Amino acid sequence: LSETRRVFGNLAGLKGEFEEAFRNITYYYPDFKPPRIQTVVSGLDTDLFVTDSLIIVSLDFFLGEGAKYRPKMYDYLLRKYDANDIVPSCLLIYGISNRFNKNDLNDQTVLADMIAYGKSFYFAKHMLPCVPDSVFIWYTPDEIKGARQNENLIWARFIESQVLYATSHKVKQDYLGERPVTIQVGEKCPGRIGQWIGWQIVNKYAERHPQESLPVLMQQADAQKLFKESAYKPQKR
């Protein structure tokens, strides 16, 4: 408990961040009713429980690097368990849920999953605009920098390897799944790179359709159409 107090104090910071996010959701979705927030120390049992009406946060999961006890997992997964990850993580769960994010469930392609993830990042970033991109996707600043600098090469690899229209579980795991690196792209390419590219496609689409509000974009269920209309084609930096 003393560690929890050391990191979170009286929880005012966490409360303020949730309030900002809920204010922004209400701006875009006026009938949104903010859920009740409950904090617990679960003995590293469950990190987050998120529903429409209730969010339970296990604070002991999010004590960060200096903590005496941390969840037993690989370092690259531990990155999502700092105090500043709590609210972004909750918003990504909202952003991927069909409550906000409409998707065509018949489309089983990697591209459809990339766009679904991309929309969830786009949603979360709108609700917490001052949070750096690296926090949402749990990349180190160097990984984000590398992804941006090599975006055209990453994209070329996706096209060469015919990733976009693949439907196999293995290809999805390779390009979208939790792993330290996406070795299929390069030995320094971070995991979940397909999610990051999906986010860039959605950003590009939004840029080309400035008249489209966030809720309208989130309702865009046709991933192929969104991709086509984004005219996404990263250039060499």
Protein backbone atom coordinates (compact mmCIF):
# COMPACT_ATOMS: atom_id res chain seq x y z
CA LEU A 1 0.00 0.00 0.00
CA SER A 2 2.85 2.40 0.74
CA GLU A 3 4.15 1.85 -2.81
CA THR A 4 0.72 2.62 -4.21
CA ARG A 5 0.67 5.83 -2.21
CA ARG A 6 4.18 6.70 -3.37
CA VAL A 7 3.17 6.41 -7.05
CA PHE A 8 -0.44 7.58 -7.00
CA GLY A 9 -0.62 9.87 -3.95
CA ASN A 10 -4.26 10.67 -3.24
CA LEU A 11 -5.24 9.61 -6.80
CA ALA A 12 -6.03 13.20 -7.81
CA GLY A 13 -3.84 12.95 -10.94
CA LEU A 14 -5.50 9.74 -12.11
CA LYS A 15 -8.94 11.14 -11.38
CA GLY A 16 -8.13 14.32 -13.34
CA GLU A 17 -6.97 12.31 -16.36
CA PHE A 18 -10.14 10.20 -16.38
CA GLU A 19 -12.25 13.36 -16.07
CA GLU A 20 -10.50 14.98 -19.05
CA ALA A 21 -11.02 11.86 -21.16
CA PHE A 22 -14.71 11.57 -20.21
CA ARG A 23 -15.25 15.28 -20.92
CA ASN A 24 -13.83 14.77 -24.40
CA ILE A 25 -15.90 11.63 -25.04
CA THR A 26 -19.03 13.56 -23.98
CA TYR A 27 -18.10 16.35 -26.41
CA TYR A 28 -18.20 13.86 -29.33
CA TYR A 29 -20.92 11.61 -27.87
CA PRO A 30 -23.31 13.82 -25.85
CA ASP A 31 -25.29 10.88 -24.47
CA PHE A 32 -22.16 9.20 -23.05
CA LYS A 33 -22.52 8.46 -19.33
CA PRO A 34 -19.13 8.31 -17.57
CA PRO A 35 -18.56 5.00 -15.80
CA ARG A 36 -17.81 4.69 -12.10
CA ILE A 37 -14.09 4.35 -11.38
CA GLN A 38 -12.95 1.98 -8.65
CA THR A 39 -9.32 1.39 -7.66
CA VAL A 40 -8.14 -1.79 -5.92
CA VAL A 41 -4.94 -3.57 -4.99
CA SER A 42 -5.53 -7.01 -6.46
CA GLY A 43 -2.28 -8.78 -5.64
CA LEU A 44 -1.42 -8.67 -9.38
CA ASP A 45 -4.51 -10.66 -10.25
CA THR A 46 -6.30 -8.64 -12.99
CA ASP A 47 -5.01 -5.35 -14.40
CA LEU A 48 -8.17 -3.63 -15.69
CA PHE A 49 -11.85 -4.41 -15.80
CA VAL A 50 -13.69 -2.11 -18.21
CA THR A 51 -17.42 -1.98 -18.96
CA ASP A 52 -19.81 0.80 -20.01
CA SER A 53 -20.75 1.55 -16.40
CA LEU A 54 -17.68 0.53 -14.36
CA ILE A 55 -13.89 0.64 -14.62
CA ILE A 56 -11.84 -1.21 -11.99
CA VAL A 57 -8.13 -0.41 -11.92
CA SER A 58 -5.65 -2.67 -10.08
CA LEU A 59 -3.16 -0.05 -9.00
CA ASP A 60 -0.46 -2.60 -8.09
CA PHE A 61 -0.16 -3.52 -11.79
CA PHE A 62 0.80 0.05 -12.69
CA LEU A 63 3.53 0.93 -10.18
CA GLY A 64 6.22 1.06 -12.87
CA GLU A 65 9.92 0.28 -12.87
CA GLY A 66 10.78 0.99 -9.26
CA ALA A 67 8.12 -1.34 -7.86
CA LYS A 68 9.07 -4.15 -5.51
CA TYR A 69 6.61 -6.56 -7.16
CA ARG A 70 5.74 -6.40 -10.83
CA PRO A 71 3.60 -8.61 -13.07
CA LYS A 72 5.57 -11.65 -14.24
CA MET A 73 5.98 -11.03 -17.97
CA TYR A 74 8.54 -10.04 -20.60
CA ASP A 75 10.01 -6.53 -20.46
CA TYR A 76 8.40 -5.45 -23.72
CA LEU A 77 4.98 -6.26 -22.19
CA LEU A 78 5.78 -4.53 -18.90
CA ARG A 79 5.93 -1.23 -20.77
CA LYS A 80 2.16 -0.96 -20.67
CA TYR A 81 2.15 -1.04 -16.87
CA ASP A 82 3.21 2.43 -15.77
CA ALA A 83 0.93 4.87 -13.97
CA ASN A 84 0.54 6.97 -17.14
CA ASP A 85 -0.75 3.93 -19.08
CA ILE A 86 -3.99 3.45 -17.14
CA VAL A 87 -6.30 5.96 -18.81
CA PRO A 88 -4.90 5.46 -22.36
CA SER A 89 -5.40 1.69 -21.95
CA CYS A 90 -9.03 2.17 -20.89
CA LEU A 91 -9.65 4.44 -23.88
CA LEU A 92 -8.12 1.90 -26.28
CA ILE A 93 -10.52 -0.71 -24.87
CA TYR A 94 -13.41 1.70 -25.51
CA GLY A 95 -11.98 2.57 -28.93
CA ILE A 96 -11.84 -1.05 -30.10
CA SER A 97 -15.30 -1.95 -28.71
CA ASN A 98 -18.22 -2.14 -31.12
CA ARG A 99 -19.96 0.47 -29.02
CA PHE A 100 -17.80 3.10 -30.74
CA ASN A 101 -15.96 1.23 -33.50
CA LYS A 102 -18.11 -0.35 -36.23
CA ASN A 103 -16.44 -3.07 -38.29
CA ASP A 104 -17.55 -5.57 -40.90
CA LEU A 105 -17.13 -8.89 -39.10
CA ASN A 106 -17.27 -10.76 -42.41
CA ASP A 107 -14.01 -9.12 -43.49
CA GLN A 108 -11.33 -11.38 -42.00
CA THR A 109 -8.32 -9.77 -43.70
CA VAL A 110 -5.26 -8.40 -41.93
CA LEU A 111 -6.17 -5.00 -43.41
CA ALA A 112 -9.57 -5.04 -41.68
CA ASP A 113 -7.87 -5.73 -38.33
CA MET A 114 -5.28 -3.02 -39.03
CA ILE A 115 -8.03 -0.47 -39.67
CA ALA A 116 -10.01 -1.55 -36.58
CA TYR A 117 -6.91 -1.04 -34.42
CA GLY A 118 -6.10 2.18 -36.25
CA LYS A 119 -9.55 3.57 -35.44
CA SER A 120 -9.13 2.64 -31.77
CA PHE A 121 -5.85 4.59 -31.57
CA TYR A 122 -7.42 7.50 -33.45
CA PHE A 123 -10.33 7.51 -30.95
CA ALA A 124 -8.07 7.31 -27.88
CA LYS A 125 -5.75 10.06 -29.14
CA HIS A 126 -8.75 12.39 -29.58
CA MET A 127 -9.79 11.81 -25.99
CA LEU A 128 -6.27 12.44 -24.62
CA PRO A 129 -4.65 14.69 -27.26
CA CYS A 130 -1.64 15.61 -25.10
CA VAL A 131 -0.54 12.03 -24.49
CA PRO A 132 2.38 11.05 -26.80
CA ASP A 133 1.69 8.43 -29.49
CA SER A 134 4.34 6.17 -27.95
CA VAL A 135 2.24 5.80 -24.76
CA PHE A 136 -0.82 4.56 -26.66
CA ILE A 137 1.11 1.94 -28.62
CA TRP A 138 3.67 1.15 -25.85
CA TYR A 139 6.69 1.80 -28.07
CA THR A 140 9.89 3.36 -26.79
CA PRO A 141 10.57 6.86 -28.19
CA ASP A 142 13.29 5.25 -30.36
CA GLU A 143 10.84 2.70 -31.77
CA ILE A 144 8.32 5.41 -32.67
CA LYS A 145 11.10 7.43 -34.30
CA GLY A 146 12.30 4.38 -36.25
CA ALA A 147 8.77 3.49 -37.37
CA ARG A 148 8.23 7.04 -38.64
CA GLN A 149 11.59 7.22 -40.42
CA ASN A 150 11.15 3.81 -42.06
CA GLU A 151 7.41 3.96 -42.72
CA ASN A 152 7.89 3.67 -46.49
CA LEU A 153 10.14 0.59 -46.07
CA ILE A 154 7.73 -1.06 -43.64
CA TRP A 155 4.89 -0.45 -46.08
CA ALA A 156 6.94 -1.84 -48.98
CA ARG A 157 7.46 -5.03 -46.97
CA PHE A 158 3.69 -5.32 -46.34
CA ILE A 159 3.04 -5.03 -50.08
CA GLU A 160 5.86 -7.41 -51.14
CA SER A 161 4.78 -10.06 -48.65
CA GLN A 162 1.10 -9.66 -49.62
CA VAL A 163 0.12 -9.14 -46.01
CA LEU A 164 -2.96 -6.90 -46.41
CA TYR A 165 -5.41 -9.44 -47.80
CA ALA A 166 -4.08 -12.47 -45.93
CA THR A 167 -6.56 -14.07 -43.54
CA SER A 168 -4.39 -16.64 -41.77
CA HIS A 169 -4.05 -16.53 -38.00
CA LYS A 170 -0.26 -16.85 -38.31
CA VAL A 171 0.10 -13.77 -40.51
CA LYS A 172 -2.12 -11.80 -38.11
CA GLN A 173 0.00 -12.96 -35.18
CA ASP A 174 3.22 -12.00 -37.01
CA TYR A 175 2.16 -8.47 -37.92
CA LEU A 176 -0.46 -7.52 -35.33
CA GLY A 177 0.30 -9.68 -32.29
CA GLU A 178 2.20 -8.98 -29.09
CA ARG A 179 5.87 -9.68 -29.74
CA PRO A 180 9.14 -7.86 -29.10
CA VAL A 181 9.93 -7.41 -32.82
CA THR A 182 8.21 -7.94 -36.17
CA ILE A 183 11.06 -9.99 -37.56
CA GLN A 184 9.25 -10.35 -40.93
CA VAL A 185 9.88 -6.62 -41.47
CA GLY A 186 13.28 -6.22 -39.81
CA GLU A 187 15.16 -7.11 -36.65
CA LYS A 188 14.63 -3.65 -35.18
CA CYS A 189 11.00 -3.32 -36.21
CA PRO A 190 8.79 -3.31 -33.08
CA GLY A 191 5.95 -5.78 -32.56
CA ARG A 192 2.34 -4.94 -33.52
CA ILE A 193 3.67 -2.85 -36.43
CA GLY A 194 0.47 -3.64 -38.37
CA GLN A 195 -1.52 -1.83 -35.68
CA TRP A 196 0.73 1.20 -36.00
CA ILE A 197 0.41 1.24 -39.81
CA GLY A 198 -3.37 0.92 -39.42
CA TRP A 199 -3.29 4.04 -37.25
CA GLN A 200 -1.33 5.94 -39.93
CA ILE A 201 -3.87 4.89 -42.59
CA VAL A 202 -6.75 6.16 -40.44
CA ASN A 203 -4.89 9.44 -39.78
CA LYS A 204 -4.38 9.82 -43.53
CA TYR A 205 -8.07 9.14 -44.20
CA ALA A 206 -9.07 11.76 -41.60
CA GLU A 207 -6.69 14.28 -43.17
CA ARG A 208 -8.31 13.77 -46.57
CA HIS A 209 -11.86 13.94 -45.14
CA PRO A 210 -11.72 16.95 -42.78
CA GLN A 211 -15.50 17.34 -42.96
CA GLU A 212 -16.02 13.93 -41.34
CA SER A 213 -16.54 14.03 -37.58
CA LEU A 214 -14.91 11.49 -35.28
CA PRO A 215 -18.18 9.55 -34.65
CA VAL A 216 -18.82 9.35 -38.43
CA LEU A 217 -15.30 8.06 -39.07
CA MET A 218 -15.65 5.49 -36.27
CA GLN A 219 -18.88 4.22 -37.90
CA GLN A 220 -17.07 3.64 -41.19
CA ALA A 221 -17.30 -0.18 -41.17
CA ASP A 222 -15.88 -0.82 -44.64
CA ALA A 223 -12.12 -1.16 -44.08
CA GLN A 224 -11.35 -1.58 -47.80
CA LYS A 225 -13.20 1.63 -48.65
CA LEU A 226 -11.51 3.57 -45.84
CA PHE A 227 -8.11 2.31 -46.98
CA LYS A 228 -8.77 3.20 -50.61
CA GLU A 229 -10.03 6.67 -49.76
CA SER A 230 -7.07 7.35 -47.48
CA ALA A 231 -4.75 7.16 -50.54
CA TYR A 232 -2.12 6.02 -48.04
CA LYS A 233 1.32 5.76 -49.59
CA PRO A 234 4.17 6.79 -47.29
CA GLN A 235 7.09 8.59 -48.91
CA LYS A 236 10.77 8.23 -48.07
CA ARG A 237 11.69 10.64 -45.28
